[in-house]
Amino acid sequence: MLLKYVMRGPALHLEFLASYITELSLLEYSLLCHVPSLIAASSIFLANFILKPTKNPWNTTLSYHTQYKPSTLRDCVKVLHRLFRVGLGSNLPAIREKYSQHKYKFVAKKYCPPSIPANFFQDASS
């Protein structure tokens, strides 16, 4: 599973947050053009960003294991970011309620900065 290669930190929070973001994507028509592995990788990127907004959410280990560079994830991450920030007024209240519970560490209630720094989408120099 990809999560074992993710940056150190609260692993359970990361797992629940990435799962929540992925579930938000299930009914989003604009994401149908992306393969599931790209959505999964983008969810990890966004979850890392939400948990540690000042630290680059993608690294060479993640790039190696997913075969995705940050620039490849940009469009998908931006859609997922918008979905996360929509809030309680969305058409997915059941998913938000599920991940607002204690057993999921209240990840649906996490603060998400309004924008992701552009430099986080720059590919590492080879």
Protein backbone atom coordinates (compact mmCIF):
# COMPACT_ATOMS: atom_id res chain seq x y z
CA MET A 1 0.00 0.00 0.00
CA LEU A 2 1.22 3.50 -0.85
CA LEU A 3 0.73 4.79 2.69
CA LYS A 4 3.74 2.89 4.03
CA TYR A 5 5.96 5.09 1.82
CA VAL A 6 4.42 8.38 2.92
CA MET A 7 6.31 11.02 4.86
CA ARG A 8 6.52 10.49 8.59
CA GLY A 9 3.84 11.97 10.80
CA PRO A 10 0.48 11.00 12.22
CA ALA A 11 -0.02 7.98 9.96
CA LEU A 12 -3.59 7.30 11.05
CA HIS A 13 -4.62 10.90 10.40
CA LEU A 14 -2.97 10.71 7.00
CA GLU A 15 -4.71 7.45 6.15
CA PHE A 16 -8.15 8.71 7.18
CA LEU A 17 -7.66 12.08 5.52
CA ALA A 18 -6.51 10.53 2.22
CA SER A 19 -9.45 8.09 2.35
CA TYR A 20 -11.85 10.97 2.97
CA ILE A 21 -10.46 12.97 0.05
CA THR A 22 -10.66 9.92 -2.19
CA GLU A 23 -14.29 9.30 -1.22
CA LEU A 24 -15.11 12.93 -2.03
CA SER A 25 -13.82 12.28 -5.54
CA LEU A 26 -16.18 9.38 -6.24
CA LEU A 27 -19.09 11.52 -7.44
CA GLU A 28 -17.06 14.28 -9.07
CA TYR A 29 -17.63 14.19 -12.81
CA SER A 30 -14.57 16.30 -13.61
CA LEU A 31 -12.32 13.59 -12.16
CA LEU A 32 -13.49 10.86 -14.54
CA CYS A 33 -10.65 11.73 -16.90
CA HIS A 34 -8.07 10.67 -14.28
CA VAL A 35 -7.01 7.09 -13.62
CA PRO A 36 -7.61 5.81 -10.06
CA SER A 37 -3.89 5.68 -9.25
CA LEU A 38 -3.56 9.40 -10.06
CA ILE A 39 -6.54 10.23 -7.81
CA ALA A 40 -5.02 8.13 -5.01
CA ALA A 41 -1.63 9.83 -5.36
CA SER A 42 -3.30 13.25 -5.52
CA SER A 43 -5.23 12.43 -2.36
CA ILE A 44 -1.97 11.62 -0.57
CA PHE A 45 -0.47 14.88 -1.85
CA LEU A 46 -3.44 16.91 -0.59
CA ALA A 47 -3.64 15.05 2.73
CA ASN A 48 0.06 15.72 3.35
CA PHE A 49 -0.49 19.39 2.49
CA ILE A 50 -3.47 19.73 4.84
CA LEU A 51 -1.59 18.09 7.72
CA LYS A 52 1.62 20.08 7.17
CA PRO A 53 0.85 23.12 4.97
CA THR A 54 4.35 24.61 5.19
CA LYS A 55 6.16 21.41 4.19
CA ASN A 56 6.37 20.16 0.62
CA PRO A 57 3.74 17.39 0.41
CA TRP A 58 5.56 15.33 -2.24
CA ASN A 59 9.04 13.84 -2.18
CA THR A 60 11.29 11.63 -4.29
CA THR A 61 10.16 8.48 -2.45
CA LEU A 62 6.53 9.15 -3.33
CA SER A 63 7.51 9.97 -6.91
CA TYR A 64 9.48 6.75 -7.18
CA HIS A 65 6.76 4.48 -5.80
CA THR A 66 3.84 6.12 -7.62
CA GLN A 67 5.68 7.10 -10.81
CA TYR A 68 3.94 10.49 -10.56
CA LYS A 69 5.69 13.83 -10.42
CA PRO A 70 4.12 16.82 -8.66
CA SER A 71 3.45 18.59 -11.96
CA THR A 72 1.44 15.56 -13.14
CA LEU A 73 -0.72 15.72 -10.01
CA ARG A 74 -1.47 19.46 -10.24
CA ASP A 75 -4.85 19.40 -12.02
CA CYS A 76 -6.27 16.54 -9.98
CA VAL A 77 -5.02 17.97 -6.68
CA LYS A 78 -6.65 21.31 -7.47
CA VAL A 79 -10.04 19.66 -8.05
CA LEU A 80 -9.68 17.64 -4.84
CA HIS A 81 -8.64 20.79 -2.98
CA ARG A 82 -11.79 22.56 -4.18
CA LEU A 83 -13.94 19.58 -3.12
CA PHE A 84 -12.40 19.57 0.34
CA ARG A 85 -12.91 23.32 0.77
CA VAL A 86 -16.56 23.32 -0.38
CA GLY A 87 -17.64 22.58 3.16
CA LEU A 88 -20.90 21.39 4.61
CA GLY A 89 -23.00 22.91 1.82
CA SER A 90 -21.96 20.22 -0.63
CA ASN A 91 -24.06 17.39 -1.98
CA LEU A 92 -21.97 14.84 -0.07
CA PRO A 93 -23.09 15.32 3.55
CA ALA A 94 -22.93 11.59 4.40
CA ILE A 95 -19.23 11.39 3.55
CA ARG A 96 -18.48 14.55 5.54
CA GLU A 97 -20.50 13.30 8.51
CA LYS A 98 -18.74 9.93 8.41
CA TYR A 99 -15.28 11.51 8.53
CA SER A 100 -16.36 14.07 11.16
CA GLN A 101 -16.57 11.30 13.75
CA HIS A 102 -14.06 10.53 16.50
CA LYS A 103 -13.22 7.10 15.05
CA TYR A 104 -11.96 8.87 11.88
CA LYS A 105 -10.07 11.49 13.91
CA PHE A 106 -12.43 14.28 12.74
CA VAL A 107 -10.45 14.66 9.49
CA ALA A 108 -13.40 16.24 7.66
CA LYS A 109 -13.11 19.16 10.07
CA LYS A 110 -9.43 19.81 9.40
CA TYR A 111 -8.48 23.29 8.27
CA CYS A 112 -7.34 23.45 4.66
CA PRO A 113 -5.47 26.55 3.47
CA PRO A 114 -7.25 28.38 0.61
CA SER A 115 -4.42 27.85 -1.85
CA ILE A 116 -1.52 25.49 -2.46
CA PRO A 117 1.84 27.15 -3.18
CA ALA A 118 2.77 26.80 -6.85
CA ASN A 119 6.30 25.67 -5.96
CA PHE A 120 4.85 22.46 -4.42
CA PHE A 121 3.96 21.39 -7.96
CA GLN A 122 7.48 21.83 -9.31
CA ASP A 123 9.29 18.64 -10.19
CA ALA A 124 12.55 17.86 -8.41
CA SER A 125 15.67 18.38 -10.46
CA SER A 126 17.16 15.20 -11.81
